Amino acid sequence: MSGHKENKINIPKEQLERLAASFFPVIKDFYRSDRGKKFWKKYLKENGQKADTAAV
C-alpha cells in the first residue's frame, strides 16, 4: 500500500499546553514510583547510559 496519509489534527497551542499540563502530574508520579524508577533504570541500561548521569 503506497501513499499512506497522515491524520493531522490542528490543536490550538493553548489547548495543547493544557493537555500537557494535565498529563504532567501523572507522568511525574509514575517516575517517582518504584515501578517508574525500575523502568527508567532499565531504559538507561538498554540505551548505554548511566543512571547517575542521566536526568530524571
Protein backbone atom coordinates (compact mmCIF):
# COMPACT_ATOMS: atom_id res chain seq x y z
CA MET A 1 0.00 0.00 0.00
CA SER A 2 1.59 3.23 -1.08
CA GLY A 3 0.68 6.82 -0.44
CA HIS A 4 -0.11 6.48 3.25
CA LYS A 5 -1.95 9.55 4.51
CA GLU A 6 -1.16 11.05 7.87
CA ASN A 7 -4.05 12.08 10.06
CA LYS A 8 -3.40 15.62 11.19
CA ILE A 9 -5.35 17.38 13.88
CA ASN A 10 -4.90 21.08 14.36
CA ILE A 11 -4.99 21.82 18.07
CA PRO A 12 -4.60 25.39 19.25
CA LYS A 13 -1.41 25.95 21.26
CA GLU A 14 -3.37 26.89 24.39
CA GLN A 15 -5.32 23.62 24.35
CA LEU A 16 -2.18 21.61 23.70
CA GLU A 17 -0.48 23.26 26.68
CA ARG A 18 -3.50 22.50 28.89
CA LEU A 19 -3.45 18.87 27.77
CA ALA A 20 0.26 18.58 28.53
CA ALA A 21 -0.26 20.22 31.92
CA SER A 22 -2.96 17.68 32.77
CA PHE A 23 -0.67 14.74 31.91
CA PHE A 24 2.42 16.07 33.66
CA PRO A 25 1.48 15.25 37.30
CA VAL A 26 0.64 11.65 36.38
CA ILE A 27 3.88 11.19 34.46
CA LYS A 28 5.88 12.75 37.31
CA ASP A 29 4.21 10.46 39.85
CA PHE A 30 5.00 7.42 37.71
CA TYR A 31 8.71 8.20 37.51
CA ARG A 32 8.82 8.81 41.26
CA SER A 33 7.24 5.41 41.97
CA ASP A 34 9.25 2.21 42.41
CA ARG A 35 7.88 0.90 39.11
CA GLY A 36 8.87 4.10 37.31
CA LYS A 37 12.38 4.08 38.78
CA LYS A 38 12.82 0.47 37.69
CA PHE A 39 11.55 1.30 34.21
CA TRP A 40 13.95 4.29 33.95
CA LYS A 41 16.98 2.26 35.04
CA LYS A 42 16.11 -0.45 32.52
CA TYR A 43 15.71 2.15 29.77
CA LEU A 44 19.08 3.70 30.57
CA LYS A 45 20.79 0.32 30.65
CA GLU A 46 19.33 -0.64 27.27
CA ASN A 47 20.50 2.67 25.78
CA GLY A 48 24.01 2.60 27.21
CA GLN A 49 23.60 5.43 29.69
CA LYS A 50 24.46 5.55 33.37
CA ALA A 51 21.71 6.18 35.89
CA ASP A 52 23.82 8.62 37.90
CA THR A 53 24.49 10.91 34.92
CA ALA A 54 21.03 10.92 33.32
CA ALA A 55 18.41 13.40 34.40
CA VAL A 56 15.08 12.07 35.55
